N, C-alpha and C. Protein backbone atom coordinates (compact mmCIF):
# COMPACT_ATOMS: atom_id res chain seq x y z
N MET A 1 2.96 -83.87 18.12
CA MET A 1 2.50 -82.46 17.57
C MET A 1 1.09 -82.55 17.37
N LYS A 2 0.29 -81.70 17.96
CA LYS A 2 -0.85 -81.86 17.59
C LYS A 2 -1.36 -81.48 16.27
N LYS A 3 -2.23 -82.02 15.64
CA LYS A 3 -2.85 -81.73 14.00
C LYS A 3 -3.80 -80.47 14.15
N ASP A 4 -4.02 -80.32 13.31
CA ASP A 4 -5.06 -79.13 12.91
C ASP A 4 -6.48 -79.73 12.85
N ASP A 5 -7.09 -80.27 11.89
CA ASP A 5 -8.47 -80.84 11.87
C ASP A 5 -8.61 -82.21 11.72
N ASP A 6 -9.73 -82.79 12.26
CA ASP A 6 -10.15 -83.94 11.81
C ASP A 6 -10.59 -84.22 10.32
N GLY A 7 -10.54 -85.42 9.79
CA GLY A 7 -10.89 -85.62 8.46
C GLY A 7 -10.06 -86.44 7.67
N LYS A 8 -10.42 -86.87 6.38
CA LYS A 8 -9.75 -87.23 5.41
C LYS A 8 -8.35 -86.68 5.04
N SER A 9 -7.41 -87.24 4.78
CA SER A 9 -6.11 -86.69 4.47
C SER A 9 -5.97 -87.02 2.80
N PRO A 10 -5.86 -86.09 2.17
CA PRO A 10 -5.58 -86.32 0.80
C PRO A 10 -3.83 -87.10 0.81
N ASP A 11 -3.72 -87.54 -0.19
CA ASP A 11 -2.40 -88.15 -0.53
C ASP A 11 -1.55 -86.75 -0.72
N ASP A 12 -0.15 -86.71 -0.17
CA ASP A 12 0.78 -85.83 -0.38
C ASP A 12 1.14 -85.93 -1.77
N GLY A 13 1.21 -84.79 -2.50
CA GLY A 13 1.73 -84.51 -3.46
C GLY A 13 0.18 -84.82 -4.70
N ALA A 14 -0.65 -85.42 -4.43
CA ALA A 14 -1.83 -85.82 -5.26
C ALA A 14 -2.43 -84.61 -5.60
N ALA A 15 -3.14 -84.44 -7.21
CA ALA A 15 -3.99 -83.31 -7.56
C ALA A 15 -5.27 -83.61 -6.64
N ILE A 16 -5.50 -82.47 -5.88
CA ILE A 16 -6.76 -82.46 -5.26
C ILE A 16 -7.49 -81.14 -5.37
N GLY A 17 -8.88 -81.28 -5.46
CA GLY A 17 -9.67 -80.15 -6.01
C GLY A 17 -9.77 -79.08 -4.67
N PRO A 18 -10.73 -78.02 -5.09
CA PRO A 18 -10.68 -77.23 -3.95
C PRO A 18 -11.36 -77.81 -2.62
N ALA A 19 -11.94 -79.00 -2.66
CA ALA A 19 -12.32 -79.53 -1.45
C ALA A 19 -11.78 -80.44 -0.77
N GLY A 20 -10.15 -80.56 -1.19
CA GLY A 20 -9.22 -81.42 -0.61
C GLY A 20 -8.94 -81.57 0.86
N TYR A 21 -9.37 -80.11 1.45
CA TYR A 21 -9.04 -80.09 2.83
C TYR A 21 -7.58 -80.37 3.24
N TYR A 22 -6.78 -79.35 2.76
CA TYR A 22 -5.30 -79.56 3.19
C TYR A 22 -4.87 -79.47 4.88
N HIS A 23 -5.91 -78.66 5.20
CA HIS A 23 -5.87 -78.53 6.61
C HIS A 23 -6.33 -79.77 7.37
N SER A 24 -6.88 -80.62 6.84
CA SER A 24 -7.23 -82.21 7.58
C SER A 24 -6.15 -83.16 7.31
N ASN A 25 -5.12 -82.82 6.41
CA ASN A 25 -4.14 -83.63 6.06
C ASN A 25 -3.36 -83.88 7.27
N LYS A 26 -3.35 -85.03 7.66
CA LYS A 26 -2.64 -85.66 8.99
C LYS A 26 -1.32 -86.22 8.79
N ASP A 27 -0.71 -86.08 7.39
CA ASP A 27 0.49 -86.35 7.18
C ASP A 27 1.18 -85.22 6.37
N ARG A 28 1.20 -84.28 7.03
CA ARG A 28 1.87 -83.11 6.17
C ARG A 28 3.50 -82.92 6.94
N ILE A 29 4.31 -82.35 6.07
CA ILE A 29 5.80 -82.31 6.36
C ILE A 29 5.67 -80.96 6.96
N PHE A 30 6.37 -80.74 8.21
CA PHE A 30 6.61 -79.23 8.49
C PHE A 30 7.82 -78.92 8.62
N VAL A 31 8.84 -79.83 9.11
CA VAL A 31 10.23 -79.70 9.03
C VAL A 31 10.94 -80.88 8.35
N ARG A 32 11.95 -80.42 7.36
CA ARG A 32 12.51 -81.57 6.84
C ARG A 32 13.86 -82.01 7.50
N SER A 33 14.21 -83.10 7.29
CA SER A 33 15.63 -83.58 7.99
C SER A 33 16.57 -83.08 6.97
N ILE A 34 17.76 -83.07 7.51
CA ILE A 34 19.12 -82.40 6.74
C ILE A 34 19.86 -83.52 7.03
N GLN A 35 20.26 -84.39 5.82
CA GLN A 35 21.17 -85.86 6.13
C GLN A 35 22.45 -85.67 5.15
N GLY A 36 23.52 -85.89 5.43
CA GLY A 36 24.56 -86.25 4.43
C GLY A 36 25.82 -85.77 4.99
N ALA A 37 26.73 -85.46 4.47
CA ALA A 37 28.28 -85.12 4.82
C ALA A 37 28.39 -84.11 5.52
N TYR A 38 28.85 -84.06 6.88
CA TYR A 38 29.08 -83.05 7.85
C TYR A 38 29.34 -81.60 7.02
N ASN A 39 29.97 -81.50 6.05
CA ASN A 39 30.24 -80.15 5.73
C ASN A 39 29.08 -79.72 4.67
N LEU A 40 27.95 -80.51 4.69
CA LEU A 40 26.67 -80.12 3.97
C LEU A 40 26.95 -79.80 2.31
N THR A 41 28.00 -80.22 1.79
CA THR A 41 28.37 -80.09 0.33
C THR A 41 27.13 -80.54 -0.46
N GLU A 42 26.59 -81.37 -0.14
CA GLU A 42 25.29 -82.04 -1.09
C GLU A 42 24.36 -81.37 -0.77
N GLU A 43 24.22 -80.70 0.66
CA GLU A 43 22.56 -79.89 0.71
C GLU A 43 22.91 -78.65 -0.15
N LEU A 44 23.91 -77.99 0.05
CA LEU A 44 24.03 -76.64 -0.81
C LEU A 44 23.71 -76.96 -2.19
N GLU A 45 24.45 -78.04 -2.53
CA GLU A 45 24.22 -78.40 -4.20
C GLU A 45 22.68 -78.38 -4.23
N ARG A 46 22.10 -78.99 -3.92
CA ARG A 46 20.66 -79.64 -4.05
C ARG A 46 19.65 -77.83 -3.79
N LEU A 47 20.26 -77.13 -2.76
CA LEU A 47 19.46 -75.95 -2.58
C LEU A 47 19.87 -75.01 -3.73
N ARG A 48 21.02 -75.08 -4.34
CA ARG A 48 20.99 -73.97 -5.42
C ARG A 48 20.63 -74.62 -6.86
N ALA A 49 20.05 -76.09 -6.40
CA ALA A 49 19.56 -76.38 -7.88
C ALA A 49 18.22 -76.10 -7.92
N MET A 50 17.41 -75.62 -6.71
CA MET A 50 16.38 -75.60 -6.74
C MET A 50 15.55 -74.48 -7.50
N PRO A 51 14.14 -74.32 -8.35
CA PRO A 51 13.78 -73.18 -8.62
C PRO A 51 13.81 -72.01 -7.57
N ARG A 52 13.85 -70.78 -8.11
CA ARG A 52 13.63 -69.55 -7.24
C ARG A 52 12.45 -68.85 -7.63
N VAL A 53 11.84 -69.30 -8.75
CA VAL A 53 10.45 -68.82 -8.92
C VAL A 53 9.37 -69.95 -9.00
N ARG A 54 8.36 -69.85 -8.19
CA ARG A 54 7.26 -70.77 -8.08
C ARG A 54 5.96 -70.13 -8.99
N LYS A 55 5.53 -70.99 -10.03
CA LYS A 55 4.57 -70.25 -10.95
C LYS A 55 3.15 -70.60 -10.44
N ALA A 56 2.26 -69.64 -10.14
CA ALA A 56 1.10 -69.79 -9.63
C ALA A 56 0.35 -70.87 -10.47
N LYS A 57 0.46 -70.88 -11.82
CA LYS A 57 -0.54 -71.87 -12.67
C LYS A 57 0.06 -73.08 -12.39
N ASP A 58 1.03 -73.58 -11.60
CA ASP A 58 1.39 -75.05 -11.27
C ASP A 58 1.07 -75.14 -9.89
N ILE A 59 0.36 -74.35 -9.18
CA ILE A 59 -0.02 -74.76 -7.90
C ILE A 59 -1.54 -74.62 -7.79
N LYS A 60 -2.33 -75.44 -7.47
CA LYS A 60 -3.82 -75.21 -7.35
C LYS A 60 -4.02 -74.82 -5.78
N PHE A 61 -5.63 -74.17 -5.93
CA PHE A 61 -6.03 -74.14 -4.58
C PHE A 61 -6.47 -75.38 -3.82
N VAL A 62 -6.62 -75.50 -2.69
CA VAL A 62 -6.97 -76.66 -2.01
C VAL A 62 -8.15 -76.05 -0.77
N ASP A 63 -8.73 -76.96 -0.12
CA ASP A 63 -9.64 -76.47 0.90
C ASP A 63 -11.01 -76.00 0.40
N GLY A 64 -11.58 -75.05 0.89
CA GLY A 64 -12.93 -74.54 0.41
C GLY A 64 -13.89 -75.19 1.18
N PRO A 65 -15.26 -75.02 1.08
CA PRO A 65 -15.77 -73.69 0.10
C PRO A 65 -15.70 -72.22 0.48
N GLN A 66 -15.40 -72.40 1.51
CA GLN A 66 -15.57 -70.93 2.12
C GLN A 66 -14.06 -70.15 2.21
N ALA A 67 -13.08 -70.84 2.52
CA ALA A 67 -11.60 -70.32 2.84
C ALA A 67 -10.88 -71.37 1.90
N TYR A 68 -10.01 -70.89 0.83
CA TYR A 68 -9.06 -71.52 0.19
C TYR A 68 -7.63 -71.18 0.40
N SER A 69 -6.89 -72.21 -0.04
CA SER A 69 -5.44 -71.70 0.10
C SER A 69 -4.71 -72.50 -1.01
N ARG A 70 -3.82 -71.60 -1.47
CA ARG A 70 -2.66 -71.90 -2.38
C ARG A 70 -1.39 -72.03 -1.69
N HIS A 71 -0.58 -73.02 -1.54
CA HIS A 71 0.86 -73.05 -0.87
C HIS A 71 1.82 -72.96 -1.87
N TYR A 72 2.60 -71.80 -1.55
CA TYR A 72 3.73 -71.48 -2.58
C TYR A 72 4.78 -72.24 -2.18
N VAL A 73 5.12 -72.01 -0.91
CA VAL A 73 6.51 -72.36 -0.31
C VAL A 73 6.18 -73.12 1.02
N GLU A 74 6.49 -74.20 1.29
CA GLU A 74 6.41 -74.76 2.64
C GLU A 74 7.79 -75.81 2.62
N PRO A 75 7.99 -76.19 3.80
CA PRO A 75 9.22 -77.19 4.25
C PRO A 75 9.36 -78.27 3.19
N LYS A 76 8.11 -78.99 2.89
CA LYS A 76 8.07 -80.35 2.00
C LYS A 76 8.43 -80.01 0.54
N ASP A 77 8.49 -78.95 0.29
CA ASP A 77 8.85 -78.52 -1.23
C ASP A 77 10.34 -78.37 -1.29
N GLY A 78 11.14 -78.51 0.05
CA GLY A 78 12.51 -78.70 -0.36
C GLY A 78 13.19 -77.33 -0.51
N ILE A 79 12.45 -76.29 -0.69
CA ILE A 79 13.33 -75.07 -1.07
C ILE A 79 13.61 -74.19 0.33
N THR A 80 12.57 -74.10 0.96
CA THR A 80 12.80 -73.50 2.50
C THR A 80 12.65 -74.40 3.79
N GLN A 81 13.28 -73.87 4.67
CA GLN A 81 13.00 -74.66 5.96
C GLN A 81 12.42 -74.23 7.06
N THR A 82 12.42 -72.69 7.13
CA THR A 82 12.19 -71.92 8.22
C THR A 82 10.99 -71.03 8.03
N PHE A 83 10.10 -70.97 7.03
CA PHE A 83 8.98 -70.28 6.88
C PHE A 83 8.03 -70.80 5.74
N HIS A 84 6.77 -70.32 5.68
CA HIS A 84 5.68 -70.95 5.04
C HIS A 84 4.84 -69.65 4.26
N LEU A 85 4.97 -69.74 3.15
CA LEU A 85 3.82 -68.59 2.40
C LEU A 85 2.87 -69.28 1.45
N HIS A 86 1.72 -68.61 1.79
CA HIS A 86 0.61 -69.31 1.10
C HIS A 86 -0.55 -68.02 0.77
N LEU A 87 -1.13 -68.23 -0.10
CA LEU A 87 -2.59 -67.38 -0.45
C LEU A 87 -3.71 -67.88 -0.33
N GLU A 88 -4.28 -66.93 0.63
CA GLU A 88 -5.64 -67.21 0.93
C GLU A 88 -6.93 -66.37 0.32
N GLU A 89 -7.81 -67.29 -0.20
CA GLU A 89 -8.97 -66.47 -0.83
C GLU A 89 -10.27 -66.88 -0.05
N TYR A 90 -11.02 -65.70 0.56
CA TYR A 90 -12.34 -66.19 1.24
C TYR A 90 -13.35 -66.00 0.25
N GLY A 91 -14.44 -66.96 0.03
CA GLY A 91 -15.27 -66.75 -0.79
C GLY A 91 -16.42 -65.66 -0.36
N PRO A 92 -17.33 -65.15 -0.88
CA PRO A 92 -18.44 -64.15 -0.57
C PRO A 92 -18.97 -64.70 0.92
N GLY A 93 -18.82 -64.05 1.83
CA GLY A 93 -19.19 -64.18 3.34
C GLY A 93 -18.37 -65.31 3.87
N GLY A 94 -17.22 -65.64 3.33
CA GLY A 94 -16.75 -66.77 3.94
C GLY A 94 -15.73 -66.58 5.16
N LYS A 95 -15.54 -67.65 5.82
CA LYS A 95 -14.34 -67.43 6.85
C LYS A 95 -13.42 -68.46 6.92
N SER A 96 -12.60 -68.66 7.72
CA SER A 96 -11.67 -69.35 8.11
C SER A 96 -12.04 -70.32 9.26
N GLN A 97 -11.02 -71.41 9.57
CA GLN A 97 -11.27 -72.12 10.81
C GLN A 97 -11.10 -71.04 11.72
N LYS A 98 -11.46 -71.36 13.03
CA LYS A 98 -10.87 -70.58 14.25
C LYS A 98 -9.86 -71.55 15.00
N HIS A 99 -8.59 -70.79 14.97
CA HIS A 99 -7.79 -71.65 15.80
C HIS A 99 -6.76 -70.84 16.47
N GLY A 100 -5.50 -71.41 17.21
CA GLY A 100 -4.26 -70.74 17.54
C GLY A 100 -3.24 -71.59 17.26
N HIS A 101 -2.22 -70.62 17.29
CA HIS A 101 -0.65 -71.35 17.49
C HIS A 101 0.23 -70.68 17.99
N VAL A 102 1.44 -71.14 18.26
CA VAL A 102 2.42 -70.24 18.82
C VAL A 102 3.12 -69.25 17.82
N ASN A 103 3.27 -69.39 16.47
CA ASN A 103 3.84 -68.51 15.73
C ASN A 103 2.90 -67.33 15.47
N GLU A 104 3.46 -66.13 15.12
CA GLU A 104 2.80 -65.24 14.57
C GLU A 104 2.64 -65.35 12.93
N ALA A 105 1.90 -64.38 12.39
CA ALA A 105 1.57 -64.53 10.81
C ALA A 105 1.41 -63.14 10.60
N ALA A 106 1.84 -62.75 9.13
CA ALA A 106 1.43 -61.46 8.75
C ALA A 106 0.34 -61.62 7.38
N PHE A 107 -0.69 -61.04 7.29
CA PHE A 107 -1.57 -61.10 6.24
C PHE A 107 -1.50 -59.89 5.52
N TYR A 108 -1.10 -60.09 4.08
CA TYR A 108 -1.18 -58.78 3.32
C TYR A 108 -2.48 -58.68 2.50
N ILE A 109 -3.22 -57.89 2.62
CA ILE A 109 -4.64 -57.99 1.91
C ILE A 109 -4.54 -57.58 0.56
N LEU A 110 -4.72 -58.43 -0.29
CA LEU A 110 -4.64 -58.34 -1.73
C LEU A 110 -5.87 -57.50 -2.37
N ASP A 111 -6.97 -58.16 -1.87
CA ASP A 111 -8.35 -57.55 -2.43
C ASP A 111 -9.34 -58.05 -1.29
N GLY A 112 -10.49 -56.89 -1.42
CA GLY A 112 -11.44 -57.23 -0.76
C GLY A 112 -11.42 -56.42 0.54
N ILE A 113 -12.47 -56.60 1.31
CA ILE A 113 -12.97 -56.10 2.60
C ILE A 113 -13.05 -57.34 3.55
N GLY A 114 -12.49 -57.17 4.78
CA GLY A 114 -12.90 -58.42 5.71
C GLY A 114 -12.72 -57.89 7.41
N TYR A 115 -12.23 -58.79 8.23
CA TYR A 115 -12.05 -58.52 9.75
C TYR A 115 -11.23 -59.95 10.17
N GLU A 116 -10.58 -59.53 11.42
CA GLU A 116 -10.33 -60.50 12.23
C GLU A 116 -10.90 -60.65 13.24
N ILE A 117 -10.79 -61.71 13.97
CA ILE A 117 -11.37 -61.67 15.55
C ILE A 117 -10.47 -62.60 16.00
N HIS A 118 -9.68 -61.86 17.14
CA HIS A 118 -8.38 -62.26 17.76
C HIS A 118 -8.72 -61.94 19.33
N ASP A 119 -8.75 -63.40 20.22
CA ASP A 119 -9.10 -63.36 21.28
C ASP A 119 -10.33 -62.62 21.66
N GLY A 120 -11.28 -62.35 20.70
CA GLY A 120 -12.51 -62.11 21.02
C GLY A 120 -12.62 -60.57 20.58
N VAL A 121 -11.54 -59.77 20.10
CA VAL A 121 -11.59 -58.37 19.62
C VAL A 121 -11.67 -58.29 18.04
N ARG A 122 -12.35 -57.66 17.56
CA ARG A 122 -12.64 -57.48 16.28
C ARG A 122 -11.32 -56.38 15.43
N TYR A 123 -10.87 -56.66 14.36
CA TYR A 123 -9.92 -55.57 13.71
C TYR A 123 -10.38 -55.81 12.16
N ASP A 124 -10.84 -54.75 11.55
CA ASP A 124 -11.27 -54.78 10.52
C ASP A 124 -10.01 -54.41 9.35
N TRP A 125 -10.14 -54.92 8.17
CA TRP A 125 -9.09 -54.49 7.07
C TRP A 125 -9.74 -54.64 5.49
N LYS A 126 -8.86 -53.93 4.46
CA LYS A 126 -9.19 -53.72 3.40
C LYS A 126 -8.00 -53.76 2.66
N ALA A 127 -8.29 -53.98 1.13
CA ALA A 127 -6.99 -54.10 0.42
C ALA A 127 -5.92 -53.12 0.66
N GLY A 128 -4.80 -53.58 0.52
CA GLY A 128 -3.42 -52.88 0.89
C GLY A 128 -3.01 -52.82 2.51
N ASP A 129 -3.92 -53.19 3.59
CA ASP A 129 -3.50 -53.49 4.87
C ASP A 129 -2.87 -54.67 5.03
N VAL A 130 -2.27 -54.67 6.11
CA VAL A 130 -1.50 -55.75 6.73
C VAL A 130 -2.24 -56.16 8.00
N ALA A 131 -2.68 -57.31 8.29
CA ALA A 131 -3.19 -57.83 9.49
C ALA A 131 -2.17 -58.79 10.16
N ILE A 132 -1.83 -58.40 11.37
CA ILE A 132 -0.57 -59.20 12.11
C ILE A 132 -1.57 -60.12 13.07
N VAL A 133 -1.06 -61.60 12.89
CA VAL A 133 -1.53 -62.52 13.84
C VAL A 133 -0.51 -62.54 15.08
N HIS A 134 -0.49 -62.01 16.22
CA HIS A 134 0.20 -62.38 17.23
C HIS A 134 0.64 -63.61 17.72
N ASN A 135 1.57 -63.94 18.45
CA ASN A 135 1.84 -65.14 19.06
C ASN A 135 0.84 -65.59 19.82
N ASN A 136 0.04 -66.59 19.90
CA ASN A 136 -0.53 -67.32 20.79
C ASN A 136 -1.81 -66.86 21.00
N CYS A 137 -2.41 -66.56 19.83
CA CYS A 137 -3.87 -65.54 20.29
C CYS A 137 -4.79 -66.78 19.22
N VAL A 138 -5.95 -66.76 19.78
CA VAL A 138 -6.99 -67.65 19.27
C VAL A 138 -7.68 -66.56 18.09
N HIS A 139 -7.55 -67.07 16.87
CA HIS A 139 -8.12 -66.16 15.85
C HIS A 139 -8.96 -66.84 14.80
N GLN A 140 -9.47 -65.95 13.89
CA GLN A 140 -10.36 -66.33 12.60
C GLN A 140 -10.35 -65.05 11.79
N HIS A 141 -10.54 -65.46 10.40
CA HIS A 141 -10.55 -64.59 9.22
C HIS A 141 -11.99 -64.58 8.59
N PHE A 142 -12.42 -63.46 8.43
CA PHE A 142 -13.72 -63.08 7.94
C PHE A 142 -13.78 -62.30 6.72
N ASN A 143 -14.46 -62.56 5.63
CA ASN A 143 -14.72 -61.90 4.39
C ASN A 143 -16.08 -61.13 4.81
N ALA A 144 -15.69 -59.73 4.88
CA ALA A 144 -16.90 -58.98 5.08
C ALA A 144 -18.00 -58.74 4.13
N SER A 145 -17.82 -59.16 2.90
CA SER A 145 -18.53 -58.84 1.85
C SER A 145 -19.47 -60.00 1.30
N PRO A 146 -20.60 -59.82 1.04
CA PRO A 146 -21.47 -60.95 0.96
C PRO A 146 -21.74 -61.44 -0.44
N ASP A 147 -21.16 -60.80 -1.51
CA ASP A 147 -21.04 -61.09 -2.83
C ASP A 147 -19.63 -60.81 -3.48
N LYS A 148 -18.41 -60.53 -2.96
CA LYS A 148 -17.15 -60.39 -3.27
C LYS A 148 -16.31 -61.27 -2.56
N PRO A 149 -15.45 -61.83 -3.25
CA PRO A 149 -14.26 -62.53 -2.64
C PRO A 149 -13.20 -61.65 -2.13
N ALA A 150 -12.44 -62.21 -1.20
CA ALA A 150 -11.07 -61.28 -0.60
C ALA A 150 -10.00 -62.21 -0.66
N ARG A 151 -8.73 -61.67 -0.97
CA ARG A 151 -7.49 -62.46 -0.66
C ARG A 151 -6.77 -61.84 0.07
N ALA A 152 -5.57 -62.71 0.64
CA ALA A 152 -4.47 -62.23 1.50
C ALA A 152 -3.35 -63.35 1.04
N LEU A 153 -2.13 -62.56 1.02
CA LEU A 153 -0.96 -63.54 0.99
C LEU A 153 -0.27 -63.48 2.23
N VAL A 154 0.08 -64.61 2.87
CA VAL A 154 0.22 -65.03 4.25
C VAL A 154 1.56 -65.33 4.37
N ILE A 155 2.53 -64.89 5.29
CA ILE A 155 3.99 -65.03 5.46
C ILE A 155 4.03 -65.84 6.94
N LYS A 156 4.47 -66.52 7.34
CA LYS A 156 4.37 -67.36 8.60
C LYS A 156 5.67 -67.86 9.06
N THR A 157 6.37 -67.92 10.11
CA THR A 157 7.72 -68.83 10.48
C THR A 157 7.22 -69.92 11.34
N LYS A 158 5.99 -70.53 11.16
CA LYS A 158 5.44 -71.85 11.90
C LYS A 158 6.58 -72.83 11.64
N PRO A 159 7.11 -73.43 10.71
CA PRO A 159 8.29 -74.34 10.45
C PRO A 159 9.29 -74.16 11.76
N MET A 160 9.81 -72.85 11.80
CA MET A 160 11.17 -72.55 12.58
C MET A 160 10.53 -72.89 14.20
N PHE A 161 9.20 -72.50 14.30
CA PHE A 161 8.64 -72.56 15.61
C PHE A 161 8.39 -74.29 16.03
N LEU A 162 8.17 -74.85 14.98
CA LEU A 162 8.01 -76.50 15.19
C LEU A 162 9.43 -77.05 15.35
N PHE A 163 10.28 -76.45 14.48
CA PHE A 163 11.53 -77.04 14.60
C PHE A 163 12.24 -76.77 15.98
N MET A 164 11.87 -75.80 16.72
CA MET A 164 12.20 -75.31 18.11
C MET A 164 11.30 -76.23 19.30
N ASN A 165 10.50 -77.06 18.54
CA ASN A 165 9.86 -77.65 19.76
C ASN A 165 8.66 -77.15 20.06
N MET A 166 8.17 -75.90 19.56
CA MET A 166 7.12 -75.14 20.07
C MET A 166 5.82 -75.52 19.51
N LEU A 167 5.16 -76.61 19.99
CA LEU A 167 4.42 -77.42 19.02
C LEU A 167 2.76 -77.14 19.27
N PHE A 168 2.48 -76.20 19.94
CA PHE A 168 1.12 -75.77 20.22
C PHE A 168 0.32 -75.35 19.07
N GLN A 169 -0.67 -76.16 18.56
CA GLN A 169 -1.66 -75.64 17.64
C GLN A 169 -2.90 -76.03 17.95
N LYS A 170 -4.01 -75.44 18.01
CA LYS A 170 -5.43 -75.87 18.34
C LYS A 170 -6.29 -75.62 17.33
N THR A 171 -7.32 -76.39 16.82
CA THR A 171 -8.49 -75.89 16.07
C THR A 171 -9.61 -75.81 17.17
N VAL A 172 -10.42 -74.66 17.07
CA VAL A 172 -11.20 -74.58 18.13
C VAL A 172 -12.66 -74.54 17.19
N GLU A 173 -12.89 -74.36 15.87
CA GLU A 173 -13.81 -74.35 15.29
C GLU A 173 -13.25 -74.65 13.76
N PRO A 174 -13.59 -75.80 13.29
CA PRO A 174 -12.75 -76.54 11.97
C PRO A 174 -13.33 -75.55 10.58
N ARG A 175 -13.10 -75.65 9.51
CA ARG A 175 -13.44 -74.80 8.33
C ARG A 175 -14.58 -75.47 7.91
N GLN A 176 -15.48 -74.53 7.43
CA GLN A 176 -16.83 -74.98 7.16
C GLN A 176 -16.71 -75.89 5.77
N THR A 177 -17.65 -76.65 5.68
CA THR A 177 -17.78 -77.63 4.66
C THR A 177 -19.04 -77.42 3.63
N GLU A 178 -19.71 -76.04 3.98
CA GLU A 178 -20.51 -75.72 2.98
C GLU A 178 -20.40 -74.13 2.89
N PRO A 179 -20.78 -73.97 1.71
CA PRO A 179 -20.56 -72.38 1.39
C PRO A 179 -21.46 -71.56 2.17
N ALA A 180 -21.06 -70.27 2.53
CA ALA A 180 -21.87 -69.20 3.19
C ALA A 180 -22.91 -68.85 2.42
N PRO A 181 -24.12 -68.22 2.93
CA PRO A 181 -25.26 -67.96 2.41
C PRO A 181 -24.79 -66.80 1.19
N GLY A 182 -25.08 -67.03 -0.15
CA GLY A 182 -24.53 -66.01 -0.90
C GLY A 182 -23.61 -66.60 -1.81
N GLY A 183 -22.55 -67.73 -1.37
CA GLY A 183 -21.67 -67.98 -1.99
C GLY A 183 -21.70 -69.18 -2.61
N GLU A 184 -22.68 -69.84 -2.89
CA GLU A 184 -23.09 -71.02 -3.29
C GLU A 184 -22.70 -71.27 -4.57
N ASP A 185 -22.40 -70.22 -5.30
CA ASP A 185 -21.95 -70.31 -6.96
C ASP A 185 -20.47 -69.95 -6.62
N PHE A 186 -19.97 -69.66 -6.14
CA PHE A 186 -18.48 -68.96 -5.97
C PHE A 186 -17.59 -70.01 -6.34
N VAL A 187 -16.69 -69.68 -7.38
CA VAL A 187 -15.55 -70.50 -7.98
C VAL A 187 -14.46 -69.73 -7.50
N VAL A 188 -13.28 -70.39 -6.93
CA VAL A 188 -12.04 -69.95 -6.62
C VAL A 188 -11.23 -69.38 -7.92
N ARG A 189 -10.70 -68.14 -7.79
CA ARG A 189 -10.03 -67.69 -8.86
C ARG A 189 -8.60 -68.21 -9.05
N GLU A 190 -8.31 -69.27 -9.64
CA GLU A 190 -7.15 -69.71 -10.17
C GLU A 190 -6.26 -68.71 -11.00
N GLU A 191 -6.70 -67.91 -11.86
CA GLU A 191 -5.95 -67.18 -12.55
C GLU A 191 -5.56 -65.83 -11.97
N GLU A 192 -4.39 -65.69 -11.92
CA GLU A 192 -3.94 -64.43 -11.39
C GLU A 192 -4.56 -63.08 -12.10
N GLU A 193 -4.95 -61.88 -11.10
CA GLU A 193 -4.90 -60.80 -11.82
C GLU A 193 -4.19 -59.75 -11.17
N ASP A 194 -4.04 -58.67 -11.92
CA ASP A 194 -3.05 -57.47 -11.29
C ASP A 194 -3.94 -57.02 -10.12
N LEU A 195 -3.97 -57.30 -9.19
CA LEU A 195 -5.29 -56.92 -8.10
C LEU A 195 -4.76 -55.71 -7.57
N ASN A 196 -3.50 -55.17 -7.43
CA ASN A 196 -3.16 -53.93 -6.89
C ASN A 196 -3.14 -52.78 -7.90
N HIS A 197 -3.53 -53.23 -9.18
CA HIS A 197 -3.45 -52.02 -10.14
C HIS A 197 -4.58 -52.14 -10.96
N PRO A 198 -5.88 -51.85 -10.52
CA PRO A 198 -7.11 -52.14 -11.46
C PRO A 198 -6.99 -50.96 -12.71
N GLU A 199 -7.50 -51.56 -13.91
CA GLU A 199 -7.54 -50.72 -14.87
C GLU A 199 -7.95 -49.53 -15.02
N GLU A 200 -9.23 -49.71 -14.13
CA GLU A 200 -9.91 -48.28 -14.07
C GLU A 200 -9.25 -47.34 -13.10
N GLY A 201 -8.37 -47.64 -12.47
CA GLY A 201 -7.57 -46.71 -11.58
C GLY A 201 -8.16 -46.96 -10.06
N TYR A 202 -7.99 -46.18 -8.96
CA TYR A 202 -8.29 -46.25 -7.69
C TYR A 202 -9.42 -45.12 -7.42
């Protein structure tokens, strides 16, 4: 399987800060093995004992300094096998790595304004929109604001595609290691806010 980026790999499960570069981790678990009795009784008991709510306060953002990720659910956690759910935060003027993969993804925009570049075509978005990354396109995510962050909740079935041996994924341009101009003092928002219902109204 091809890996995402080059770089140092944080130890799996270790407490790492925003510069931990999750996407450079070369020892990630994409699909778990299921072993045990043929009737899977033990596996069902294990699954039923897993938590059904993941607390944001228990999961810290990694990566940065332009694009940060908080990974809520993925196969290594033992809760799911077929999908990956994470929160992306883009600092002011920030952008993600430029990359491509077989699986599709859906980005629900929680706040901010920005745009996608998919196979050279630009698609603008704002809070409340859903951005769809289709199969096999080379894409990149951008925060269009020079002074405010943007957030998206991402749902993708990448683990299922890898399980079916659809392994293609490639980084064209890695995540930036320096803040974007104007975002030098940005600190990722670890605390959740009611982003969809501002106190002052719409």
